[in-house]
N, C-alpha and C. Protein backbone atom coordinates (compact mmCIF):
# COMPACT_ATOMS: atom_id res chain seq x y z
N UNK A 1 -58.31 -44.44 -11.25
CA UNK A 1 -58.95 -44.84 -9.89
C UNK A 1 -58.02 -45.94 -9.18
N UNK A 2 -57.75 -46.99 -9.87
CA UNK A 2 -57.20 -48.24 -9.27
C UNK A 2 -55.79 -47.86 -9.06
N UNK A 3 -55.00 -47.07 -9.87
CA UNK A 3 -53.60 -46.87 -9.57
C UNK A 3 -53.20 -46.33 -8.30
N UNK A 4 -54.22 -45.32 -7.84
CA UNK A 4 -53.75 -44.57 -6.36
C UNK A 4 -54.24 -45.59 -5.46
N UNK A 5 -55.00 -46.32 -5.51
CA UNK A 5 -55.31 -47.22 -4.49
C UNK A 5 -54.17 -48.54 -4.63
N UNK A 6 -53.79 -48.82 -5.66
CA UNK A 6 -52.50 -49.66 -5.64
C UNK A 6 -51.23 -49.15 -5.19
N UNK A 7 -51.19 -47.98 -5.37
CA UNK A 7 -50.02 -47.28 -4.90
C UNK A 7 -50.03 -47.24 -3.14
N UNK A 8 -51.06 -46.73 -2.74
CA UNK A 8 -51.25 -46.69 -1.15
C UNK A 8 -51.13 -47.73 -0.71
N UNK A 9 -51.69 -49.08 -1.31
CA UNK A 9 -51.40 -50.31 -0.77
C UNK A 9 -49.99 -50.62 -0.55
N UNK A 10 -49.33 -50.49 -1.72
CA UNK A 10 -48.03 -51.12 -1.98
C UNK A 10 -46.89 -50.13 -1.14
N UNK A 11 -46.95 -49.06 -1.00
CA UNK A 11 -46.12 -48.15 -0.26
C UNK A 11 -46.62 -47.60 1.05
N UNK A 12 -48.07 -47.60 1.38
CA UNK A 12 -48.24 -47.22 2.52
C UNK A 12 -48.07 -48.25 3.64
N UNK A 13 -48.07 -47.98 4.99
CA UNK A 13 -48.16 -48.74 6.26
C UNK A 13 -49.24 -49.57 6.18
N UNK A 14 -49.00 -50.85 6.78
CA UNK A 14 -50.22 -51.60 7.01
C UNK A 14 -50.85 -51.08 8.19
N UNK A 15 -52.21 -51.58 7.97
CA UNK A 15 -53.12 -50.90 9.23
C UNK A 15 -53.29 -52.09 10.02
N UNK A 16 -52.43 -52.32 10.79
CA UNK A 16 -52.47 -53.42 12.02
C UNK A 16 -52.02 -53.08 12.95
N UNK A 17 -52.21 -53.91 14.24
CA UNK A 17 -51.62 -53.69 15.57
C UNK A 17 -49.98 -54.15 15.46
N UNK A 18 -49.34 -53.49 16.05
CA UNK A 18 -48.03 -54.02 16.68
C UNK A 18 -48.05 -55.23 17.16
N UNK A 19 -46.90 -56.03 16.96
CA UNK A 19 -46.63 -57.56 17.39
C UNK A 19 -46.55 -57.11 19.05
N UNK A 20 -47.00 -58.05 19.82
CA UNK A 20 -46.85 -58.13 20.94
C UNK A 20 -45.33 -58.30 21.79
N UNK A 21 -45.25 -57.72 22.64
CA UNK A 21 -44.09 -57.54 23.26
C UNK A 21 -43.97 -58.60 24.17
N UNK A 22 -42.88 -59.68 23.82
CA UNK A 22 -42.64 -60.80 24.62
C UNK A 22 -41.20 -60.80 25.10
N UNK A 23 -41.13 -60.86 26.56
CA UNK A 23 -39.70 -60.82 27.01
C UNK A 23 -38.89 -62.07 26.76
N UNK A 24 -37.59 -61.75 26.16
CA UNK A 24 -36.86 -62.86 25.97
C UNK A 24 -36.36 -63.80 27.31
N UNK A 25 -36.25 -63.11 28.11
CA UNK A 25 -36.16 -63.78 29.48
C UNK A 25 -37.39 -64.69 29.82
N UNK A 26 -38.34 -64.47 29.88
CA UNK A 26 -39.65 -65.20 29.93
C UNK A 26 -39.84 -66.28 29.02
N UNK A 27 -39.47 -66.16 27.75
CA UNK A 27 -39.64 -67.18 26.70
C UNK A 27 -38.52 -67.89 26.96
N UNK A 28 -37.31 -67.61 27.41
CA UNK A 28 -36.06 -68.67 27.59
C UNK A 28 -36.56 -69.59 28.77
N UNK A 29 -37.10 -68.79 29.85
CA UNK A 29 -37.35 -69.57 30.96
C UNK A 29 -38.45 -70.70 30.61
N UNK A 30 -39.47 -70.41 30.10
CA UNK A 30 -40.37 -71.33 29.48
C UNK A 30 -39.79 -72.15 28.83
N UNK A 31 -39.18 -71.98 27.76
CA UNK A 31 -38.68 -73.05 26.81
C UNK A 31 -37.99 -74.11 27.65
N UNK A 32 -37.08 -73.66 28.64
CA UNK A 32 -36.46 -74.49 29.29
C UNK A 32 -37.30 -75.67 30.26
N UNK A 33 -38.08 -74.78 30.87
CA UNK A 33 -39.09 -75.68 31.80
C UNK A 33 -39.89 -76.61 30.96
N UNK A 34 -40.49 -76.14 29.83
CA UNK A 34 -41.16 -77.31 28.93
C UNK A 34 -40.29 -78.29 28.21
N UNK A 35 -39.20 -78.07 27.98
CA UNK A 35 -38.16 -79.08 27.60
C UNK A 35 -38.23 -79.99 28.52
N UNK A 36 -37.75 -79.40 29.82
CA UNK A 36 -37.25 -80.51 30.84
C UNK A 36 -38.45 -81.24 31.24
N UNK A 37 -39.72 -80.77 31.50
CA UNK A 37 -40.97 -81.49 31.87
C UNK A 37 -41.34 -82.63 30.86
N UNK A 38 -41.30 -82.04 29.48
CA UNK A 38 -41.56 -83.10 28.62
C UNK A 38 -40.64 -84.44 28.40
N UNK A 39 -39.45 -83.90 28.50
CA UNK A 39 -38.55 -85.09 28.28
C UNK A 39 -38.73 -86.06 29.70
N UNK A 40 -39.14 -85.32 30.85
CA UNK A 40 -38.94 -86.08 32.15
C UNK A 40 -40.38 -87.05 32.10
N UNK A 41 -41.37 -86.48 31.69
CA UNK A 41 -42.44 -87.24 31.69
C UNK A 41 -42.82 -88.10 30.45
N UNK A 42 -42.25 -87.72 29.39
CA UNK A 42 -42.58 -88.71 28.13
C UNK A 42 -41.31 -89.11 27.45
N UNK A 43 -40.17 -88.62 27.73
CA UNK A 43 -38.95 -89.02 27.35
C UNK A 43 -38.89 -88.48 25.96
N UNK A 44 -39.22 -87.69 25.68
CA UNK A 44 -39.28 -87.19 23.97
C UNK A 44 -40.06 -85.72 24.05
N UNK A 45 -40.58 -85.17 22.86
CA UNK A 45 -41.26 -83.89 22.74
C UNK A 45 -42.51 -84.22 23.02
N UNK A 46 -43.45 -83.19 22.84
CA UNK A 46 -44.90 -83.39 23.22
C UNK A 46 -45.27 -83.29 21.79
N UNK A 47 -46.29 -84.17 21.38
CA UNK A 47 -46.90 -84.20 20.04
C UNK A 47 -48.42 -83.56 20.41
N UNK A 48 -48.90 -82.69 19.51
CA UNK A 48 -50.24 -81.96 20.01
C UNK A 48 -50.94 -82.22 18.68
N UNK A 49 -52.21 -82.53 18.65
CA UNK A 49 -53.16 -82.81 17.54
C UNK A 49 -54.34 -81.74 17.70
N UNK A 50 -54.62 -80.72 17.21
CA UNK A 50 -55.76 -79.71 17.50
C UNK A 50 -56.91 -80.09 16.77
N UNK A 51 -57.93 -80.15 17.46
CA UNK A 51 -59.01 -80.58 16.95
C UNK A 51 -60.37 -79.39 17.25
N UNK A 52 -60.83 -79.01 16.10
CA UNK A 52 -61.84 -77.88 16.20
C UNK A 52 -63.18 -78.60 16.26
N UNK A 53 -64.03 -78.66 17.35
CA UNK A 53 -65.24 -79.11 17.68
C UNK A 53 -66.48 -78.39 17.35
N UNK A 54 -66.26 -77.14 16.61
CA UNK A 54 -67.29 -76.36 16.01
C UNK A 54 -66.99 -75.03 16.54
N UNK A 55 -65.88 -74.30 16.58
CA UNK A 55 -65.78 -73.00 16.97
C UNK A 55 -65.70 -71.89 15.87
N UNK A 56 -65.21 -70.76 16.44
CA UNK A 56 -65.37 -69.56 15.48
C UNK A 56 -64.36 -69.36 14.88
N UNK A 57 -63.14 -69.93 15.18
CA UNK A 57 -61.68 -69.99 14.85
C UNK A 57 -61.07 -68.84 15.43
N UNK A 58 -61.53 -68.29 16.44
CA UNK A 58 -60.43 -67.20 17.07
C UNK A 58 -59.52 -68.07 17.80
N UNK A 59 -59.90 -69.08 18.58
CA UNK A 59 -58.76 -69.86 19.35
C UNK A 59 -57.77 -70.49 18.02
N UNK A 60 -58.26 -70.80 17.30
CA UNK A 60 -57.38 -71.42 15.91
C UNK A 60 -56.40 -70.13 15.46
N UNK A 61 -56.74 -69.09 15.43
CA UNK A 61 -55.82 -67.90 15.27
C UNK A 61 -54.70 -68.10 16.17
N UNK A 62 -55.22 -68.07 17.22
CA UNK A 62 -54.12 -68.06 18.59
C UNK A 62 -53.07 -69.49 18.24
N UNK A 63 -53.67 -70.29 18.09
CA UNK A 63 -52.91 -71.58 17.92
C UNK A 63 -52.10 -71.52 16.92
N UNK A 64 -52.37 -71.12 15.75
CA UNK A 64 -51.62 -70.78 14.75
C UNK A 64 -50.39 -69.85 15.11
N UNK A 65 -50.52 -68.97 15.91
CA UNK A 65 -49.53 -68.11 16.31
C UNK A 65 -48.70 -68.56 17.17
N UNK A 66 -48.67 -69.73 17.69
CA UNK A 66 -47.63 -70.65 18.31
C UNK A 66 -46.60 -70.97 17.41
N UNK A 67 -46.93 -71.08 16.33
CA UNK A 67 -45.93 -71.66 15.02
C UNK A 67 -45.31 -70.51 14.61
N UNK A 68 -45.75 -69.01 14.69
CA UNK A 68 -44.90 -68.09 13.98
C UNK A 68 -43.60 -67.80 14.78
N UNK A 69 -43.01 -66.78 14.15
CA UNK A 69 -41.61 -66.46 14.81
C UNK A 69 -41.62 -66.09 16.14
N UNK A 70 -42.82 -65.37 16.76
CA UNK A 70 -42.68 -64.59 17.85
C UNK A 70 -42.63 -65.95 18.66
N UNK A 71 -43.58 -66.92 18.80
CA UNK A 71 -43.62 -67.81 19.87
C UNK A 71 -42.88 -69.21 19.53
N UNK A 72 -42.72 -69.70 18.28
CA UNK A 72 -42.08 -70.92 17.61
C UNK A 72 -42.13 -71.96 18.58
N UNK A 73 -43.17 -72.68 18.55
CA UNK A 73 -43.48 -73.78 19.40
C UNK A 73 -42.49 -74.80 19.41
N UNK A 74 -41.80 -75.18 18.37
CA UNK A 74 -40.80 -76.12 17.96
C UNK A 74 -39.77 -76.01 19.05
N UNK A 75 -39.08 -74.72 19.52
CA UNK A 75 -38.10 -74.41 20.43
C UNK A 75 -38.66 -74.92 21.61
N UNK A 76 -39.94 -75.00 22.05
CA UNK A 76 -40.20 -75.42 23.30
C UNK A 76 -40.34 -76.92 23.56
N UNK A 77 -39.79 -77.75 22.62
CA UNK A 77 -40.05 -79.27 22.62
C UNK A 77 -41.56 -79.62 22.32
N UNK A 78 -42.33 -78.75 21.71
CA UNK A 78 -43.88 -79.15 21.36
C UNK A 78 -44.02 -79.07 19.81
N UNK A 79 -44.80 -79.85 19.50
CA UNK A 79 -44.89 -79.68 18.01
C UNK A 79 -46.40 -80.61 17.90
N UNK A 80 -47.02 -79.98 16.25
CA UNK A 80 -48.29 -80.33 16.16
C UNK A 80 -48.13 -81.34 15.04
N UNK A 81 -48.87 -82.66 15.18
CA UNK A 81 -49.03 -83.73 14.63
C UNK A 81 -50.02 -83.52 13.58
N UNK A 82 -50.18 -84.22 12.52
CA UNK A 82 -51.34 -84.33 11.44
C UNK A 82 -52.36 -85.42 11.85
N UNK A 83 -51.84 -86.45 12.50
CA UNK A 83 -52.78 -87.58 12.86
C UNK A 83 -52.87 -87.81 14.35
N UNK A 84 -54.19 -88.04 14.81
CA UNK A 84 -54.17 -88.33 16.27
C UNK A 84 -53.52 -89.68 16.87
N UNK A 85 -53.04 -90.55 15.75
CA UNK A 85 -52.42 -91.82 16.24
C UNK A 85 -50.84 -91.61 16.67
N UNK A 86 -50.57 -90.09 16.23
CA UNK A 86 -49.21 -89.73 17.05
C UNK A 86 -49.09 -88.67 17.85
N UNK A 87 -50.12 -88.48 18.47
CA UNK A 87 -50.58 -87.29 19.35
C UNK A 87 -50.37 -87.83 20.96
N UNK A 88 -50.01 -86.91 21.72
CA UNK A 88 -49.87 -87.05 23.21
C UNK A 88 -51.19 -86.37 23.92
N UNK A 89 -51.48 -85.09 23.19
CA UNK A 89 -52.39 -84.00 23.59
C UNK A 89 -53.58 -83.94 22.42
N UNK A 90 -54.59 -83.88 22.98
CA UNK A 90 -55.75 -83.27 22.02
C UNK A 90 -55.90 -81.77 22.53
N UNK A 91 -55.79 -80.82 21.66
CA UNK A 91 -56.12 -79.54 22.08
C UNK A 91 -57.35 -79.33 21.24
N UNK A 92 -58.29 -79.19 22.10
CA UNK A 92 -59.95 -78.91 21.57
C UNK A 92 -60.20 -77.55 21.74
N UNK A 93 -60.66 -77.04 20.66
CA UNK A 93 -61.22 -75.75 20.62
C UNK A 93 -62.70 -75.90 20.16
N UNK A 94 -63.51 -74.85 20.61
CA UNK A 94 -65.13 -74.71 20.25
C UNK A 94 -65.79 -75.39 21.20
N UNK A 95 -67.15 -75.07 21.15
CA UNK A 95 -68.28 -75.71 21.80
C UNK A 95 -68.58 -77.31 21.16
N UNK A 96 -69.02 -77.93 22.11
CA UNK A 96 -69.04 -79.27 21.33
C UNK A 96 -70.43 -79.25 20.51
N UNK A 97 -70.30 -79.42 19.04
CA UNK A 97 -71.59 -79.19 18.31
C UNK A 97 -71.98 -80.75 18.04
N UNK A 98 -73.31 -80.58 17.81
CA UNK A 98 -73.79 -82.37 17.79
C UNK A 98 -73.24 -83.00 16.68
N UNK A 99 -72.87 -82.06 15.46
CA UNK A 99 -72.17 -82.82 14.37
C UNK A 99 -70.79 -83.07 14.42
N UNK A 100 -70.26 -82.55 15.58
CA UNK A 100 -68.80 -82.85 15.75
C UNK A 100 -68.32 -83.89 16.67
N UNK A 101 -69.54 -84.23 17.40
CA UNK A 101 -69.47 -85.22 18.62
C UNK A 101 -68.61 -86.35 18.41
N UNK A 102 -69.39 -87.17 17.34
CA UNK A 102 -68.81 -88.40 16.92
C UNK A 102 -67.23 -88.22 16.29
N UNK A 103 -67.21 -87.23 15.66
CA UNK A 103 -65.66 -87.08 15.10
C UNK A 103 -64.70 -86.85 16.14
N UNK A 104 -64.97 -85.91 17.16
CA UNK A 104 -64.11 -86.06 18.48
C UNK A 104 -63.97 -87.38 18.98
N UNK A 105 -64.99 -87.81 19.29
CA UNK A 105 -65.11 -89.37 20.01
C UNK A 105 -64.06 -90.25 19.20
N UNK A 106 -64.13 -90.36 17.91
CA UNK A 106 -63.39 -91.00 17.05
C UNK A 106 -61.77 -90.74 17.16
N UNK A 107 -61.56 -89.44 17.03
CA UNK A 107 -60.21 -88.81 17.36
C UNK A 107 -59.52 -89.26 18.72
N UNK A 108 -60.25 -89.27 19.57
CA UNK A 108 -60.02 -89.73 21.04
C UNK A 108 -59.62 -91.20 20.99
N UNK A 109 -60.53 -91.87 20.23
CA UNK A 109 -60.36 -93.42 20.26
C UNK A 109 -59.15 -93.67 19.57
N UNK A 110 -58.72 -92.96 18.62
CA UNK A 110 -57.42 -93.23 17.79
C UNK A 110 -56.27 -92.69 18.43
N UNK A 111 -56.38 -91.93 19.34
CA UNK A 111 -54.98 -91.39 20.26
C UNK A 111 -54.66 -92.43 21.45
N UNK A 112 -53.43 -92.81 21.27
CA UNK A 112 -52.99 -93.80 22.20
C UNK A 112 -52.95 -93.28 23.49
N UNK A 113 -52.79 -94.15 24.35
CA UNK A 113 -52.81 -93.67 25.84
C UNK A 113 -51.11 -93.61 26.12
N UNK A 114 -50.58 -92.86 27.01
CA UNK A 114 -51.63 -91.59 27.55
C UNK A 114 -51.78 -90.42 26.93
N UNK A 115 -53.13 -90.14 26.63
CA UNK A 115 -53.51 -89.04 26.12
C UNK A 115 -54.20 -87.73 26.89
N UNK A 116 -53.92 -86.57 26.93
CA UNK A 116 -54.46 -85.58 27.70
C UNK A 116 -55.27 -84.69 26.77
N UNK A 117 -56.55 -84.43 27.44
CA UNK A 117 -57.39 -83.63 26.59
C UNK A 117 -57.44 -82.12 27.09
N UNK A 118 -57.11 -81.21 26.27
CA UNK A 118 -57.04 -79.85 26.58
C UNK A 118 -58.17 -79.18 26.21
N UNK A 119 -59.11 -78.47 26.79
CA UNK A 119 -60.11 -77.66 26.48
C UNK A 119 -59.55 -76.29 26.34
N UNK A 120 -59.59 -75.60 25.28
CA UNK A 120 -58.87 -74.00 24.79
C UNK A 120 -59.93 -73.29 24.78
N UNK A 121 -60.02 -72.27 25.29
CA UNK A 121 -60.95 -71.16 25.18
C UNK A 121 -62.42 -71.43 25.91
N UNK A 122 -63.11 -70.41 26.07
CA UNK A 122 -64.25 -70.32 26.87
C UNK A 122 -65.42 -71.31 26.18
N UNK A 123 -65.58 -71.34 24.93
CA UNK A 123 -66.54 -72.27 24.28
C UNK A 123 -66.34 -73.85 24.77
N UNK A 124 -64.98 -74.04 24.49
CA UNK A 124 -64.69 -75.70 24.89
C UNK A 124 -64.99 -75.73 26.41
N UNK A 125 -64.80 -75.04 27.14
CA UNK A 125 -65.20 -75.13 28.73
C UNK A 125 -66.47 -75.29 28.93
N UNK A 126 -67.45 -74.41 28.34
CA UNK A 126 -68.87 -74.72 28.80
C UNK A 126 -69.87 -74.24 27.57
N UNK A 127 -69.22 -74.07 26.42
CA UNK A 127 -70.22 -73.62 25.19
C UNK A 127 -70.16 -72.16 24.84
N UNK A 128 -69.73 -71.63 26.09
CA UNK A 128 -69.21 -70.18 25.84
C UNK A 128 -70.53 -69.12 25.22
N UNK A 129 -70.23 -68.56 24.14
CA UNK A 129 -71.31 -67.56 23.48
C UNK A 129 -72.29 -68.43 22.78
N UNK A 130 -72.17 -69.71 22.68
CA UNK A 130 -72.87 -70.47 21.87
C UNK A 130 -73.80 -71.49 22.74
N UNK A 131 -73.35 -71.18 24.03
CA UNK A 131 -74.35 -71.95 24.82
C UNK A 131 -75.96 -71.91 24.84
N UNK A 132 -76.64 -73.17 25.00
CA UNK A 132 -78.17 -72.99 24.64
C UNK A 132 -78.43 -73.05 23.36
N UNK A 133 -77.72 -72.98 22.18
CA UNK A 133 -78.14 -73.11 21.06
C UNK A 133 -78.79 -74.68 20.91
N UNK A 134 -79.37 -74.87 19.90
CA UNK A 134 -79.91 -76.14 19.63
C UNK A 134 -78.66 -77.13 19.16
N UNK A 135 -77.90 -76.45 18.51
CA UNK A 135 -76.76 -77.37 17.57
C UNK A 135 -75.69 -77.71 18.68
N UNK A 136 -75.40 -77.15 20.08
CA UNK A 136 -74.48 -77.16 20.81
C UNK A 136 -74.89 -77.99 21.96
N UNK A 137 -74.05 -79.18 22.37
CA UNK A 137 -74.10 -79.95 23.39
C UNK A 137 -73.58 -79.45 24.77
N UNK A 138 -72.54 -78.47 24.55
CA UNK A 138 -72.17 -77.99 25.72
C UNK A 138 -70.58 -77.88 25.59
N UNK A 139 -69.57 -77.59 26.47
CA UNK A 139 -68.24 -77.93 26.48
C UNK A 139 -67.88 -79.45 26.28
N UNK A 140 -66.58 -79.45 26.18
CA UNK A 140 -66.21 -80.76 25.53
C UNK A 140 -66.12 -81.79 26.80
N UNK A 141 -66.36 -81.23 28.04
CA UNK A 141 -66.58 -82.29 29.21
C UNK A 141 -67.75 -82.89 29.05
N UNK A 142 -68.59 -82.71 28.02
CA UNK A 142 -69.85 -83.43 27.78
C UNK A 142 -69.65 -84.76 27.23
N UNK A 143 -68.40 -84.82 26.42
CA UNK A 143 -68.02 -86.03 25.81
C UNK A 143 -66.86 -86.73 26.03
N UNK A 144 -65.99 -85.93 26.67
CA UNK A 144 -64.58 -86.56 26.91
C UNK A 144 -64.16 -85.83 28.48
N UNK A 145 -63.35 -86.78 29.11
CA UNK A 145 -62.82 -86.27 30.43
C UNK A 145 -61.70 -85.35 30.27
N UNK A 146 -61.92 -83.88 30.61
CA UNK A 146 -60.75 -82.84 30.13
C UNK A 146 -59.73 -82.87 31.20
N UNK A 147 -58.47 -82.83 30.73
CA UNK A 147 -57.51 -82.66 31.86
C UNK A 147 -57.03 -81.38 32.19
N UNK A 148 -57.26 -80.83 31.37
CA UNK A 148 -56.86 -79.26 31.64
C UNK A 148 -57.87 -78.28 30.83
N UNK A 149 -57.99 -77.05 31.31
CA UNK A 149 -58.82 -76.17 30.74
C UNK A 149 -58.05 -74.54 30.81
N UNK A 150 -58.14 -74.26 29.41
CA UNK A 150 -57.30 -73.08 29.14
C UNK A 150 -58.41 -71.91 28.89
N UNK A 151 -59.09 -71.02 29.86
CA UNK A 151 -59.82 -70.32 29.60
C UNK A 151 -59.56 -68.90 28.94
N UNK A 152 -60.53 -68.30 28.24
CA UNK A 152 -60.23 -67.14 27.46
C UNK A 152 -60.97 -66.98 26.22
N UNK A 153 -61.14 -65.89 25.60
CA UNK A 153 -61.83 -65.74 24.35
C UNK A 153 -61.38 -64.79 23.43
N UNK A 154 -60.19 -65.10 22.65
CA UNK A 154 -59.39 -66.56 22.84
C UNK A 154 -58.36 -66.28 23.76
N UNK A 155 -57.88 -67.53 24.43
CA UNK A 155 -56.73 -67.38 25.07
C UNK A 155 -55.34 -66.97 24.24
N UNK A 156 -54.49 -66.38 24.90
CA UNK A 156 -53.55 -66.06 24.39
C UNK A 156 -52.45 -67.33 24.13
N UNK A 157 -51.46 -66.94 23.20
CA UNK A 157 -50.35 -68.35 22.77
C UNK A 157 -49.67 -68.39 24.14
N UNK A 158 -49.35 -67.28 24.80
CA UNK A 158 -48.58 -67.34 26.18
C UNK A 158 -49.16 -68.17 27.01
N UNK A 159 -50.70 -68.20 27.15
CA UNK A 159 -51.47 -68.65 28.16
C UNK A 159 -51.66 -70.13 27.95
N UNK A 160 -51.67 -70.53 26.50
CA UNK A 160 -51.72 -71.73 25.98
C UNK A 160 -50.11 -72.65 26.51
N UNK A 161 -49.01 -71.93 26.21
CA UNK A 161 -47.87 -72.55 26.58
C UNK A 161 -47.65 -72.88 28.18
N UNK A 162 -48.04 -71.79 28.82
CA UNK A 162 -48.05 -71.88 30.17
C UNK A 162 -48.84 -73.02 30.61
N UNK A 163 -50.22 -73.20 30.18
CA UNK A 163 -51.08 -74.24 30.31
C UNK A 163 -50.65 -75.78 30.01
N UNK A 164 -49.89 -75.82 28.91
CA UNK A 164 -49.56 -77.16 28.63
C UNK A 164 -48.19 -77.31 29.35
N UNK A 165 -47.52 -76.35 29.88
CA UNK A 165 -46.25 -76.52 30.87
C UNK A 165 -46.80 -77.09 32.23
N UNK A 166 -47.90 -76.38 32.91
CA UNK A 166 -48.69 -76.98 33.90
C UNK A 166 -49.12 -78.29 33.95
N UNK A 167 -49.67 -78.64 32.60
CA UNK A 167 -50.05 -80.38 32.41
C UNK A 167 -49.04 -81.01 32.43
N UNK A 168 -47.79 -80.84 32.07
CA UNK A 168 -46.69 -81.82 31.97
C UNK A 168 -46.00 -81.54 33.15
N UNK A 169 -46.05 -80.57 34.06
CA UNK A 169 -45.50 -80.69 35.33
C UNK A 169 -46.27 -81.22 36.48
N UNK A 170 -47.71 -81.40 36.24
CA UNK A 170 -48.57 -81.90 37.08
C UNK A 170 -48.37 -83.52 36.78
N UNK A 171 -48.10 -84.08 35.52
CA UNK A 171 -47.85 -85.32 35.18
C UNK A 171 -46.73 -85.55 35.68
N UNK A 172 -45.77 -84.97 35.79
CA UNK A 172 -44.14 -85.30 36.08
C UNK A 172 -43.99 -85.54 37.43
N UNK A 173 -44.89 -84.70 38.25
CA UNK A 173 -44.28 -84.62 39.59
C UNK A 173 -44.59 -85.66 40.61
N UNK A 174 -45.75 -86.60 40.39
CA UNK A 174 -46.06 -87.50 41.40
C UNK A 174 -45.03 -88.75 41.17
N UNK A 175 -44.50 -88.94 40.01
CA UNK A 175 -43.42 -90.06 39.96
C UNK A 175 -42.26 -89.49 39.60
N UNK A 176 -42.07 -88.30 39.46
CA UNK A 176 -40.40 -87.82 39.54
C UNK A 176 -40.05 -88.57 38.30
N UNK A 177 -40.29 -88.16 36.92
CA UNK A 177 -39.70 -88.51 35.71
C UNK A 177 -40.15 -90.00 35.21
N UNK A 178 -41.06 -90.66 36.03
CA UNK A 178 -41.47 -91.94 35.54
C UNK A 178 -42.55 -91.64 34.44
N UNK A 179 -42.86 -92.36 33.33
CA UNK A 179 -43.88 -92.18 32.46
C UNK A 179 -45.32 -92.00 33.35
N UNK A 180 -46.47 -91.36 32.72
CA UNK A 180 -47.35 -91.41 33.41
C UNK A 180 -48.13 -92.72 33.40
N UNK A 181 -49.19 -93.20 34.23
CA UNK A 181 -49.74 -94.36 34.01
C UNK A 181 -50.78 -94.05 32.71
N UNK A 182 -51.17 -95.14 32.10
CA UNK A 182 -52.21 -95.48 30.96
C UNK A 182 -53.56 -94.96 31.49
N UNK A 183 -54.22 -94.20 30.98
CA UNK A 183 -55.49 -93.96 31.24
C UNK A 183 -56.62 -94.14 30.41
N UNK A 184 -57.96 -94.34 30.57
CA UNK A 184 -58.94 -94.46 29.49
C UNK A 184 -59.73 -93.41 29.42
């Protein structure tokens, strides 16, 4: 009984959806714009720290897809860092739960200025499907000033890349290449 199942698993096709079709031209244009704006506004690549404030992990799956071979975040001049002390952007997912509020505030306190807070997903915007729960205080805006909102449940990796690009372009446009002013 076990052998036929094992043979089907080893020699059969996987039951998954095909990979999304991503146009090479769109990806190259996005990569060029991201690299130029990151270098213009920061003088280097953009460092991102992902923070889960109590999500269902749907957004985290899409954020992890940013590192796979289809999207390859590093080629855009963006990278994830392990410590908030090295980050320029806090990419926050999930609703703000009561037990994660202090951890989120401490993470923001450890992040050097200029720091941009990006709310990823509907839950981070206003609590999403968890809104009204006794354990949820609402969206990330209840604790921190949010610089960019990327809606969706969950948003696609392409939407996240476009959102980060929009954030960088908005910061670079007022001073035309000068580093953004420090904010609290």
